[in-house]
Amino acid sequence: MKRIWLCIVLTICISSILNSQPITPSHVILIGIDGMLGEGLRASKTPAIDSLAKAGCISWKTRSVMPSVSAPNWSAILSGAGPEQTGVTNNAWTFGKHSLEPTERDQTGYFPTVFSVLKIQMPEAKTCMFYDWDWLGQYINNSLVTKMELLTGYQNVTNSALAYITAEKPLFSFIYYGHPDEVGHEKGFMTEEYKQSLNDIDKEVGKIVKAVKKAGMFEKTVFIIVTDHGGVDKSHGGETPAEMEIPWIIEGPGMRKGKVLTKPNDNMNTAMTIILMLNLTPPESWVARPVFEAFDLQGPE
């Protein structure tokens, strides 16, 4: 009965927002930065990320799902559900070898993601994914993505992503960078080298924004910057605030401007927020909620 009432309330809230929201974006660009601590973001030189945060909304205390490691969290970010639903409980998970079965499978046998929802409900929409961590290719069915490319090096990720995005103007793009997490494990989170890694990725974010503007897409694009976890010393996976509390940023048409989000938020809410923006219906297995606080229900003055 609780589940039924939750679905009813969520449906009413979504309907209210869809009726009020002044703009539906033509493009959504999800930028994933692995291992980005809030403290690290504050301590680093990140003018491009800061600019998006100041123009849109930022949450400094978004929660990771547990455990605070990459695979459970990226699956949650892309699927609107936690390990209990996706079955991704650790980084050793593969499509063919895992302990816990997902609570739902799409027509391809995978747990539903943003990509599968778009493929089913908007089959003509173009999507893309550019990334430098091969595990993501295990979780996402390649056949559901219009353009999907695993690359080596964060600059190559940016270059390939922008070549496709500016030429094809896809509805949904996922660009993933593993660089800060790699540096954190090697040198330590919050070291000077780690801060520099965030500076490095910020330059890539700046390239993305600049290219989107040049392509005439900026005014109709929502940017979301999300991470999976923080870190302590040279590791993560625990329950400390440094590992579990992370920044979350959204900017673009239909979003509030200059807002620091204060209501509870989880990184799994990312997928549900994207689905809401695009007026799509979420799968029944998704337990997340949209980040309602970020939506500008007043519209342009």
C-alpha atoms as a PDB file:
ATOM      1  CA  MET A   1       0.000   0.000   0.000  1.00  0.00           C
ATOM      2  CA  LYS A   2       2.896   2.375   0.820  1.00  0.00           C
ATOM      3  CA  ARG A   3       4.364   1.761  -2.625  1.00  0.00           C
ATOM      4  CA  ILE A   4       1.037   2.579  -4.305  1.00  0.00           C
ATOM      5  CA  TRP A   5       0.619   5.843  -2.402  1.00  0.00           C
ATOM      6  CA  LEU A   6       4.236   6.819  -3.157  1.00  0.00           C
ATOM      7  CA  CYS A   7       3.642   6.288  -6.873  1.00  0.00           C
ATOM      8  CA  ILE A   8       0.443   8.356  -6.728  1.00  0.00           C
ATOM      9  CA  VAL A   9       2.170  11.239  -4.939  1.00  0.00           C
ATOM     10  CA  LEU A  10       5.130  11.133  -7.325  1.00  0.00           C
ATOM     11  CA  THR A  11       2.817  11.144 -10.345  1.00  0.00           C
ATOM     12  CA  ILE A  12       0.939  14.178  -9.000  1.00  0.00           C
ATOM     13  CA  CYS A  13       4.199  16.027  -8.316  1.00  0.00           C
ATOM     14  CA  ILE A  14       5.587  15.230 -11.765  1.00  0.00           C
ATOM     15  CA  SER A  15       2.361  16.276 -13.470  1.00  0.00           C
ATOM     16  CA  SER A  16       2.382  19.549 -11.537  1.00  0.00           C
ATOM     17  CA  ILE A  17       5.950  20.303 -12.548  1.00  0.00           C
ATOM     18  CA  LEU A  18       5.425  19.358 -16.185  1.00  0.00           C
ATOM     19  CA  ASN A  19       2.430  21.697 -16.331  1.00  0.00           C
ATOM     20  CA  SER A  20       4.454  24.505 -14.740  1.00  0.00           C
ATOM     21  CA  GLN A  21       7.884  24.024 -16.275  1.00  0.00           C
ATOM     22  CA  PRO A  22       8.360  26.719 -18.957  1.00  0.00           C
ATOM     23  CA  ILE A  23      11.036  24.996 -21.049  1.00  0.00           C
ATOM     24  CA  THR A  24      11.886  21.442 -21.996  1.00  0.00           C
ATOM     25  CA  PRO A  25      15.557  21.139 -23.026  1.00  0.00           C
ATOM     26  CA  SER A  26      16.539  19.990 -26.495  1.00  0.00           C
ATOM     27  CA  HIS A  27      19.772  18.535 -25.133  1.00  0.00           C
ATOM     28  CA  VAL A  28      20.941  17.101 -21.813  1.00  0.00           C
ATOM     29  CA  ILE A  29      24.677  16.687 -21.186  1.00  0.00           C
ATOM     30  CA  LEU A  30      25.590  14.588 -18.149  1.00  0.00           C
ATOM     31  CA  ILE A  31      29.227  15.082 -17.142  1.00  0.00           C
ATOM     32  CA  GLY A  32      30.503  12.424 -14.763  1.00  0.00           C
ATOM     33  CA  ILE A  33      33.660  13.193 -12.774  1.00  0.00           C
ATOM     34  CA  ASP A  34      34.809  10.180 -10.777  1.00  0.00           C
ATOM     35  CA  GLY A  35      35.939  10.763  -7.194  1.00  0.00           C
ATOM     36  CA  MET A  36      35.186  14.501  -6.914  1.00  0.00           C
ATOM     37  CA  LEU A  37      35.096  15.620  -3.288  1.00  0.00           C
ATOM     38  CA  GLY A  38      33.196  18.754  -2.403  1.00  0.00           C
ATOM     39  CA  GLU A  39      36.180  19.910  -0.376  1.00  0.00           C
ATOM     40  CA  GLY A  40      38.393  19.265  -3.369  1.00  0.00           C
ATOM     41  CA  LEU A  41      36.129  21.251  -5.659  1.00  0.00           C
ATOM     42  CA  ARG A  42      36.187  24.197  -3.262  1.00  0.00           C
ATOM     43  CA  ALA A  43      39.987  24.058  -2.979  1.00  0.00           C
ATOM     44  CA  SER A  44      40.706  23.760  -6.714  1.00  0.00           C
ATOM     45  CA  LYS A  45      40.724  26.244  -9.570  1.00  0.00           C
ATOM     46  CA  THR A  46      37.591  25.233 -11.465  1.00  0.00           C
ATOM     47  CA  PRO A  47      36.155  28.339 -13.176  1.00  0.00           C
ATOM     48  CA  ALA A  48      34.076  26.395 -15.718  1.00  0.00           C
ATOM     49  CA  ILE A  49      32.391  24.195 -13.121  1.00  0.00           C
ATOM     50  CA  ASP A  50      31.980  27.159 -10.770  1.00  0.00           C
ATOM     51  CA  SER A  51      30.327  29.162 -13.539  1.00  0.00           C
ATOM     52  CA  LEU A  52      27.733  26.443 -14.172  1.00  0.00           C
ATOM     53  CA  ALA A  53      27.077  26.122 -10.442  1.00  0.00           C
ATOM     54  CA  LYS A  54      26.616  29.875  -9.992  1.00  0.00           C
ATOM     55  CA  ALA A  55      24.329  30.129 -13.021  1.00  0.00           C
ATOM     56  CA  GLY A  56      22.267  27.129 -11.952  1.00  0.00           C
ATOM     57  CA  CYS A  57      21.982  24.993  -8.827  1.00  0.00           C
ATOM     58  CA  ILE A  58      24.480  23.193  -6.641  1.00  0.00           C
ATOM     59  CA  SER A  59      24.064  20.727  -3.784  1.00  0.00           C
ATOM     60  CA  TRP A  60      27.100  20.284  -1.568  1.00  0.00           C
ATOM     61  CA  LYS A  61      25.715  17.383   0.448  1.00  0.00           C
ATOM     62  CA  THR A  62      24.284  14.987  -2.104  1.00  0.00           C
ATOM     63  CA  ARG A  63      24.701  11.406  -0.867  1.00  0.00           C
ATOM     64  CA  SER A  64      26.381   8.505  -2.584  1.00  0.00           C
ATOM     65  CA  VAL A  65      24.748   5.108  -2.425  1.00  0.00           C
ATOM     66  CA  MET A  66      26.480   2.465  -0.309  1.00  0.00           C
ATOM     67  CA  PRO A  67      29.088   1.190  -0.650  1.00  0.00           C
ATOM     68  CA  SER A  68      30.866   4.394  -1.706  1.00  0.00           C
ATOM     69  CA  VAL A  69      32.654   2.783  -4.641  1.00  0.00           C
ATOM     70  CA  SER A  70      32.294   3.417  -8.344  1.00  0.00           C
ATOM     71  CA  ALA A  71      30.190   0.663  -9.914  1.00  0.00           C
ATOM     72  CA  PRO A  72      27.242   0.765  -7.470  1.00  0.00           C
ATOM     73  CA  ASN A  73      27.160   4.542  -7.748  1.00  0.00           C
ATOM     74  CA  TRP A  74      27.463   4.962 -11.511  1.00  0.00           C
ATOM     75  CA  SER A  75      24.771   2.331 -11.988  1.00  0.00           C
ATOM     76  CA  ALA A  76      22.617   4.299  -9.531  1.00  0.00           C
ATOM     77  CA  ILE A  77      23.301   7.589 -11.304  1.00  0.00           C
ATOM     78  CA  LEU A  78      22.325   6.157 -14.678  1.00  0.00           C
ATOM     79  CA  SER A  79      19.413   4.085 -13.390  1.00  0.00           C
ATOM     80  CA  GLY A  80      17.564   5.932 -10.642  1.00  0.00           C
ATOM     81  CA  ALA A  81      17.956   3.025  -8.237  1.00  0.00           C
ATOM     82  CA  GLY A  82      20.444   1.687  -5.720  1.00  0.00           C
ATOM     83  CA  PRO A  83      22.369  -1.588  -5.461  1.00  0.00           C
ATOM     84  CA  GLU A  84      19.326  -3.229  -3.882  1.00  0.00           C
ATOM     85  CA  GLN A  85      17.485  -2.805  -7.201  1.00  0.00           C
ATOM     86  CA  THR A  86      20.274  -2.869  -9.808  1.00  0.00           C
ATOM     87  CA  GLY A  87      22.150  -5.771  -8.216  1.00  0.00           C
ATOM     88  CA  VAL A  88      25.435  -3.869  -8.687  1.00  0.00           C
ATOM     89  CA  THR A  89      26.931  -4.202  -5.220  1.00  0.00           C
ATOM     90  CA  ASN A  90      30.649  -3.919  -6.023  1.00  0.00           C
ATOM     91  CA  ASN A  91      33.159  -3.149  -8.785  1.00  0.00           C
ATOM     92  CA  ALA A  92      33.502  -6.845  -9.663  1.00  0.00           C
ATOM     93  CA  TRP A  93      29.957  -6.902 -11.089  1.00  0.00           C
ATOM     94  CA  THR A  94      29.555  -8.020 -14.692  1.00  0.00           C
ATOM     95  CA  PHE A  95      26.450  -8.675 -16.747  1.00  0.00           C
ATOM     96  CA  GLY A  96      27.102 -12.407 -16.652  1.00  0.00           C
ATOM     97  CA  LYS A  97      28.548 -12.784 -13.156  1.00  0.00           C
ATOM     98  CA  HIS A  98      26.966 -11.277 -10.045  1.00  0.00           C
ATOM     99  CA  SER A  99      25.345 -12.410  -6.814  1.00  0.00           C
ATOM    100  CA  LEU A 100      22.176 -10.332  -6.659  1.00  0.00           C
ATOM    101  CA  GLU A 101      19.771 -10.308  -9.592  1.00  0.00           C
ATOM    102  CA  PRO A 102      18.219  -6.958 -10.597  1.00  0.00           C
ATOM    103  CA  THR A 103      14.612  -6.355  -9.677  1.00  0.00           C
ATOM    104  CA  GLU A 104      13.741  -5.593 -13.307  1.00  0.00           C
ATOM    105  CA  ARG A 105      15.233  -6.212 -16.727  1.00  0.00           C
ATOM    106  CA  ASP A 106      14.511  -4.285 -19.911  1.00  0.00           C
ATOM    107  CA  GLN A 107      13.936  -5.933 -23.277  1.00  0.00           C
ATOM    108  CA  THR A 108      17.685  -6.513 -23.632  1.00  0.00           C
ATOM    109  CA  GLY A 109      18.108  -8.183 -20.246  1.00  0.00           C
ATOM    110  CA  TYR A 110      19.709  -5.199 -18.521  1.00  0.00           C
ATOM    111  CA  PHE A 111      18.403  -3.156 -15.612  1.00  0.00           C
ATOM    112  CA  PRO A 112      16.688  -0.062 -17.077  1.00  0.00           C
ATOM    113  CA  THR A 113      18.894   3.008 -17.563  1.00  0.00           C
ATOM    114  CA  VAL A 114      18.363   6.464 -19.028  1.00  0.00           C
ATOM    115  CA  PHE A 115      19.510   4.996 -22.336  1.00  0.00           C
ATOM    116  CA  SER A 116      16.960   2.184 -22.323  1.00  0.00           C
ATOM    117  CA  VAL A 117      14.114   4.527 -21.338  1.00  0.00           C
ATOM    118  CA  LEU A 118      15.022   6.830 -24.226  1.00  0.00           C
ATOM    119  CA  LYS A 119      15.324   3.913 -26.647  1.00  0.00           C
ATOM    120  CA  ILE A 120      11.853   2.647 -25.749  1.00  0.00           C
ATOM    121  CA  GLN A 121       9.973   5.934 -25.438  1.00  0.00           C
ATOM    122  CA  MET A 122      11.895   8.088 -27.937  1.00  0.00           C
ATOM    123  CA  PRO A 123      13.416   5.572 -30.373  1.00  0.00           C
ATOM    124  CA  GLU A 124      14.442   8.239 -32.893  1.00  0.00           C
ATOM    125  CA  ALA A 125      16.377  10.287 -30.332  1.00  0.00           C
ATOM    126  CA  LYS A 126      20.160  10.313 -30.671  1.00  0.00           C
ATOM    127  CA  THR A 127      22.231   9.462 -27.595  1.00  0.00           C
ATOM    128  CA  CYS A 128      25.940   9.127 -26.932  1.00  0.00           C
ATOM    129  CA  MET A 129      28.422   8.009 -24.299  1.00  0.00           C
ATOM    130  CA  PHE A 130      32.151   8.765 -24.216  1.00  0.00           C
ATOM    131  CA  TYR A 131      34.146   7.350 -21.330  1.00  0.00           C
ATOM    132  CA  ASP A 132      37.537   6.112 -20.140  1.00  0.00           C
ATOM    133  CA  TRP A 133      36.569   3.397 -17.629  1.00  0.00           C
ATOM    134  CA  ASP A 134      35.759   0.121 -19.325  1.00  0.00           C
ATOM    135  CA  TRP A 135      33.357  -1.107 -16.596  1.00  0.00           C
ATOM    136  CA  LEU A 136      30.701   1.322 -17.811  1.00  0.00           C
ATOM    137  CA  GLY A 137      30.526  -0.663 -21.037  1.00  0.00           C
ATOM    138  CA  GLN A 138      29.597  -3.710 -18.961  1.00  0.00           C
ATOM    139  CA  TYR A 139      26.618  -1.964 -17.410  1.00  0.00           C
ATOM    140  CA  ILE A 140      25.269  -0.159 -20.465  1.00  0.00           C
ATOM    141  CA  ASN A 141      24.085  -2.229 -23.417  1.00  0.00           C
ATOM    142  CA  ASN A 142      25.952  -0.842 -26.427  1.00  0.00           C
ATOM    143  CA  SER A 143      22.984  -1.494 -28.720  1.00  0.00           C
ATOM    144  CA  LEU A 144      20.899   1.092 -26.851  1.00  0.00           C
ATOM    145  CA  VAL A 145      23.316   3.980 -27.464  1.00  0.00           C
ATOM    146  CA  THR A 146      23.562   5.718 -30.823  1.00  0.00           C
ATOM    147  CA  LYS A 147      27.287   6.425 -30.373  1.00  0.00           C
ATOM    148  CA  MET A 148      29.352   4.805 -27.635  1.00  0.00           C
ATOM    149  CA  GLU A 149      33.138   5.009 -27.413  1.00  0.00           C
ATOM    150  CA  LEU A 150      35.702   3.851 -24.841  1.00  0.00           C
ATOM    151  CA  LEU A 151      38.830   6.004 -24.982  1.00  0.00           C
ATOM    152  CA  THR A 152      42.154   6.405 -23.196  1.00  0.00           C
ATOM    153  CA  GLY A 153      42.915   9.813 -21.711  1.00  0.00           C
ATOM    154  CA  TYR A 154      40.513  12.524 -20.602  1.00  0.00           C
ATOM    155  CA  GLN A 155      41.412  14.905 -23.425  1.00  0.00           C
ATOM    156  CA  ASN A 156      40.574  12.219 -25.984  1.00  0.00           C
ATOM    157  CA  VAL A 157      37.221  11.728 -24.257  1.00  0.00           C
ATOM    158  CA  THR A 158      36.464  15.428 -24.684  1.00  0.00           C
ATOM    159  CA  ASN A 159      37.637  15.600 -28.287  1.00  0.00           C
ATOM    160  CA  SER A 160      35.600  12.612 -29.429  1.00  0.00           C
ATOM    161  CA  ALA A 161      32.534  13.702 -27.471  1.00  0.00           C
ATOM    162  CA  LEU A 162      32.555  17.216 -28.896  1.00  0.00           C
ATOM    163  CA  ALA A 163      33.095  16.020 -32.447  1.00  0.00           C
ATOM    164  CA  TYR A 164      29.925  13.964 -32.182  1.00  0.00           C
ATOM    165  CA  ILE A 165      27.826  16.314 -30.063  1.00  0.00           C
ATOM    166  CA  THR A 166      28.397  19.406 -32.194  1.00  0.00           C
ATOM    167  CA  ALA A 167      27.804  17.504 -35.437  1.00  0.00           C
ATOM    168  CA  GLU A 168      24.825  15.335 -34.436  1.00  0.00           C
ATOM    169  CA  LYS A 169      23.304  17.394 -31.589  1.00  0.00           C
ATOM    170  CA  PRO A 170      22.045  14.363 -29.605  1.00  0.00           C
ATOM    171  CA  LEU A 171      19.248  14.588 -27.091  1.00  0.00           C
ATOM    172  CA  PHE A 172      21.261  12.916 -24.313  1.00  0.00           C
ATOM    173  CA  SER A 173      25.031  12.746 -23.861  1.00  0.00           C
ATOM    174  CA  PHE A 174      27.037  11.107 -21.082  1.00  0.00           C
ATOM    175  CA  ILE A 175      30.696  12.155 -20.797  1.00  0.00           C
ATOM    176  CA  TYR A 176      32.726  10.373 -18.115  1.00  0.00           C
ATOM    177  CA  TYR A 177      36.159  11.232 -16.695  1.00  0.00           C
ATOM    178  CA  GLY A 178      38.017   8.895 -14.334  1.00  0.00           C
ATOM    179  CA  HIS A 179      41.110  11.086 -13.945  1.00  0.00           C
ATOM    180  CA  PRO A 180      40.545  12.549 -10.424  1.00  0.00           C
ATOM    181  CA  ASP A 181      39.770   9.148  -8.925  1.00  0.00           C
ATOM    182  CA  GLU A 182      42.893   7.659 -10.470  1.00  0.00           C
ATOM    183  CA  VAL A 183      45.048  10.457  -9.059  1.00  0.00           C
ATOM    184  CA  GLY A 184      43.344  10.175  -5.679  1.00  0.00           C
ATOM    185  CA  HIS A 185      44.221   6.490  -5.441  1.00  0.00           C
ATOM    186  CA  GLU A 186      47.804   7.059  -6.551  1.00  0.00           C
ATOM    187  CA  LYS A 187      48.695  10.311  -4.768  1.00  0.00           C
ATOM    188  CA  GLY A 188      45.926  10.746  -2.207  1.00  0.00           C
ATOM    189  CA  PHE A 189      42.661  12.634  -2.176  1.00  0.00           C
ATOM    190  CA  MET A 190      43.119  16.333  -1.345  1.00  0.00           C
ATOM    191  CA  THR A 191      46.813  16.326  -2.293  1.00  0.00           C
ATOM    192  CA  GLU A 192      48.076  19.016  -4.634  1.00  0.00           C
ATOM    193  CA  GLU A 193      48.165  16.456  -7.433  1.00  0.00           C
ATOM    194  CA  TYR A 194      44.530  15.621  -6.784  1.00  0.00           C
ATOM    195  CA  LYS A 195      43.516  19.277  -6.841  1.00  0.00           C
ATOM    196  CA  GLN A 196      45.372  19.645 -10.124  1.00  0.00           C
ATOM    197  CA  SER A 197      43.407  16.715 -11.548  1.00  0.00           C
ATOM    198  CA  LEU A 198      40.186  18.652 -10.867  1.00  0.00           C
ATOM    199  CA  ASN A 199      41.752  21.680 -12.541  1.00  0.00           C
ATOM    200  CA  ASP A 200      42.511  19.454 -15.541  1.00  0.00           C
ATOM    201  CA  ILE A 201      38.926  18.220 -15.842  1.00  0.00           C
ATOM    202  CA  ASP A 202      37.563  21.728 -15.339  1.00  0.00           C
ATOM    203  CA  LYS A 203      39.414  22.751 -18.491  1.00  0.00           C
ATOM    204  CA  GLU A 204      37.628  19.942 -20.328  1.00  0.00           C
ATOM    205  CA  VAL A 205      34.280  21.144 -18.968  1.00  0.00           C
ATOM    206  CA  GLY A 206      35.166  24.599 -20.246  1.00  0.00           C
ATOM    207  CA  LYS A 207      35.827  23.150 -23.701  1.00  0.00           C
ATOM    208  CA  ILE A 208      32.442  21.431 -23.645  1.00  0.00           C
ATOM    209  CA  VAL A 209      30.559  24.603 -22.725  1.00  0.00           C
ATOM    210  CA  LYS A 210      32.452  26.649 -25.306  1.00  0.00           C
ATOM    211  CA  ALA A 211      31.775  24.127 -28.070  1.00  0.00           C
ATOM    212  CA  VAL A 212      28.094  23.860 -27.174  1.00  0.00           C
ATOM    213  CA  LYS A 213      27.796  27.645 -27.357  1.00  0.00           C
ATOM    214  CA  LYS A 214      29.569  27.754 -30.712  1.00  0.00           C
ATOM    215  CA  ALA A 215      27.223  25.071 -32.068  1.00  0.00           C
ATOM    216  CA  GLY A 216      24.201  27.183 -31.084  1.00  0.00           C
ATOM    217  CA  MET A 217      22.996  24.604 -28.556  1.00  0.00           C
ATOM    218  CA  PHE A 218      23.729  26.310 -25.251  1.00  0.00           C
ATOM    219  CA  GLU A 219      20.396  28.029 -24.634  1.00  0.00           C
ATOM    220  CA  LYS A 220      18.551  24.726 -25.032  1.00  0.00           C
ATOM    221  CA  THR A 221      20.997  22.511 -23.131  1.00  0.00           C
ATOM    222  CA  VAL A 222      20.829  21.336 -19.525  1.00  0.00           C
ATOM    223  CA  PHE A 223      24.203  20.468 -18.011  1.00  0.00           C
ATOM    224  CA  ILE A 224      24.440  18.112 -15.044  1.00  0.00           C
ATOM    225  CA  ILE A 225      27.738  17.512 -13.254  1.00  0.00           C
ATOM    226  CA  VAL A 226      27.738  14.496 -10.966  1.00  0.00           C
ATOM    227  CA  THR A 227      30.192  12.273  -9.139  1.00  0.00           C
ATOM    228  CA  ASP A 228      30.064   8.861  -7.536  1.00  0.00           C
ATOM    229  CA  HIS A 229      31.937   9.292  -4.242  1.00  0.00           C
ATOM    230  CA  GLY A 230      34.632  11.213  -2.399  1.00  0.00           C
ATOM    231  CA  GLY A 231      37.716   9.798  -0.736  1.00  0.00           C
ATOM    232  CA  VAL A 232      39.984   9.675   2.298  1.00  0.00           C
ATOM    233  CA  ASP A 233      43.765   9.349   2.056  1.00  0.00           C
ATOM    234  CA  LYS A 234      44.142   7.045  -0.965  1.00  0.00           C
ATOM    235  CA  SER A 235      40.870   5.131  -0.789  1.00  0.00           C
ATOM    236  CA  HIS A 236      37.102   5.207  -0.454  1.00  0.00           C
ATOM    237  CA  GLY A 237      34.272   2.784   0.192  1.00  0.00           C
ATOM    238  CA  GLY A 238      33.561   3.764   3.773  1.00  0.00           C
ATOM    239  CA  GLU A 239      30.820   5.758   5.458  1.00  0.00           C
ATOM    240  CA  THR A 240      32.591   9.031   6.312  1.00  0.00           C
ATOM    241  CA  PRO A 241      31.196  12.359   5.064  1.00  0.00           C
ATOM    242  CA  ALA A 242      34.314  12.805   2.916  1.00  0.00           C
ATOM    243  CA  GLU A 243      33.380   9.612   1.059  1.00  0.00           C
ATOM    244  CA  MET A 244      29.587   9.839   1.127  1.00  0.00           C
ATOM    245  CA  GLU A 245      28.780  13.571   0.717  1.00  0.00           C
ATOM    246  CA  ILE A 246      29.415  14.897  -2.774  1.00  0.00           C
ATOM    247  CA  PRO A 247      28.590  17.905  -4.970  1.00  0.00           C
ATOM    248  CA  TRP A 248      25.805  17.817  -7.569  1.00  0.00           C
ATOM    249  CA  ILE A 249      25.274  20.591 -10.145  1.00  0.00           C
ATOM    250  CA  ILE A 250      22.561  21.355 -12.696  1.00  0.00           C
ATOM    251  CA  GLU A 251      22.222  24.339 -15.037  1.00  0.00           C
ATOM    252  CA  GLY A 252      20.107  25.147 -18.054  1.00  0.00           C
ATOM    253  CA  PRO A 253      16.618  26.007 -19.278  1.00  0.00           C
ATOM    254  CA  GLY A 254      13.876  25.303 -16.783  1.00  0.00           C
ATOM    255  CA  MET A 255      16.305  25.266 -13.854  1.00  0.00           C
ATOM    256  CA  ARG A 256      16.517  27.775 -11.014  1.00  0.00           C
ATOM    257  CA  LYS A 257      19.360  30.280 -11.144  1.00  0.00           C
ATOM    258  CA  GLY A 258      21.992  30.818  -8.461  1.00  0.00           C
ATOM    259  CA  LYS A 259      20.430  28.329  -6.067  1.00  0.00           C
ATOM    260  CA  VAL A 260      22.222  26.332  -3.381  1.00  0.00           C
ATOM    261  CA  LEU A 261      20.105  23.222  -2.892  1.00  0.00           C
ATOM    262  CA  THR A 262      19.460  22.427   0.757  1.00  0.00           C
ATOM    263  CA  LYS A 263      16.944  19.591   0.667  1.00  0.00           C
ATOM    264  CA  PRO A 264      18.145  15.984   0.936  1.00  0.00           C
ATOM    265  CA  ASN A 265      19.480  14.645  -2.344  1.00  0.00           C
ATOM    266  CA  ASP A 266      21.028  11.401  -3.577  1.00  0.00           C
ATOM    267  CA  ASN A 267      23.107  10.913  -6.703  1.00  0.00           C
ATOM    268  CA  MET A 268      20.628   8.273  -7.917  1.00  0.00           C
ATOM    269  CA  ASN A 269      18.121  11.128  -8.352  1.00  0.00           C
ATOM    270  CA  THR A 270      20.070  12.194 -11.434  1.00  0.00           C
ATOM    271  CA  ALA A 271      18.396   9.727 -13.786  1.00  0.00           C
ATOM    272  CA  MET A 272      14.895  10.519 -12.518  1.00  0.00           C
ATOM    273  CA  THR A 273      15.554  14.250 -12.969  1.00  0.00           C
ATOM    274  CA  ILE A 274      16.616  13.673 -16.578  1.00  0.00           C
ATOM    275  CA  ILE A 275      13.519  11.587 -17.294  1.00  0.00           C
ATOM    276  CA  LEU A 276      11.291  14.253 -15.760  1.00  0.00           C
ATOM    277  CA  MET A 277      12.884  17.018 -17.854  1.00  0.00           C
ATOM    278  CA  LEU A 278      12.248  15.039 -21.019  1.00  0.00           C
ATOM    279  CA  ASN A 279       8.613  14.263 -20.102  1.00  0.00           C
ATOM    280  CA  LEU A 280       9.199  10.503 -20.037  1.00  0.00           C
ATOM    281  CA  THR A 281       7.805   7.775 -17.779  1.00  0.00           C
ATOM    282  CA  PRO A 282      10.274   6.129 -15.361  1.00  0.00           C
ATOM    283  CA  PRO A 283      10.484   2.344 -14.995  1.00  0.00           C
ATOM    284  CA  GLU A 284       8.642   0.829 -12.031  1.00  0.00           C
ATOM    285  CA  SER A 285      11.915  -0.402 -10.530  1.00  0.00           C
ATOM    286  CA  TRP A 286      13.357   3.086 -10.128  1.00  0.00           C
ATOM    287  CA  VAL A 287      13.081   4.232  -6.521  1.00  0.00           C
ATOM    288  CA  ALA A 288      14.738   7.649  -6.859  1.00  0.00           C
ATOM    289  CA  ARG A 289      12.884  10.951  -7.109  1.00  0.00           C
ATOM    290  CA  PRO A 290      13.472  14.029  -9.268  1.00  0.00           C
ATOM    291  CA  VAL A 291      15.372  16.934  -7.742  1.00  0.00           C
ATOM    292  CA  PHE A 292      12.221  19.072  -7.564  1.00  0.00           C
ATOM    293  CA  GLU A 293      14.054  21.852  -5.714  1.00  0.00           C
ATOM    294  CA  ALA A 294      16.122  22.637  -8.814  1.00  0.00           C
ATOM    295  CA  PHE A 295      13.170  23.298 -11.123  1.00  0.00           C
ATOM    296  CA  ASP A 296      12.107  26.873 -11.869  1.00  0.00           C
ATOM    297  CA  LEU A 297       8.344  26.650 -11.657  1.00  0.00           C
ATOM    298  CA  GLN A 298       7.869  30.383 -12.118  1.00  0.00           C
ATOM    299  CA  GLY A 299       9.297  30.502 -15.621  1.00  0.00           C
ATOM    300  CA  PRO A 300      10.852  33.547 -17.276  1.00  0.00           C
ATOM    301  CA  GLU A 301       9.652  36.920 -16.052  1.00  0.00           C
END
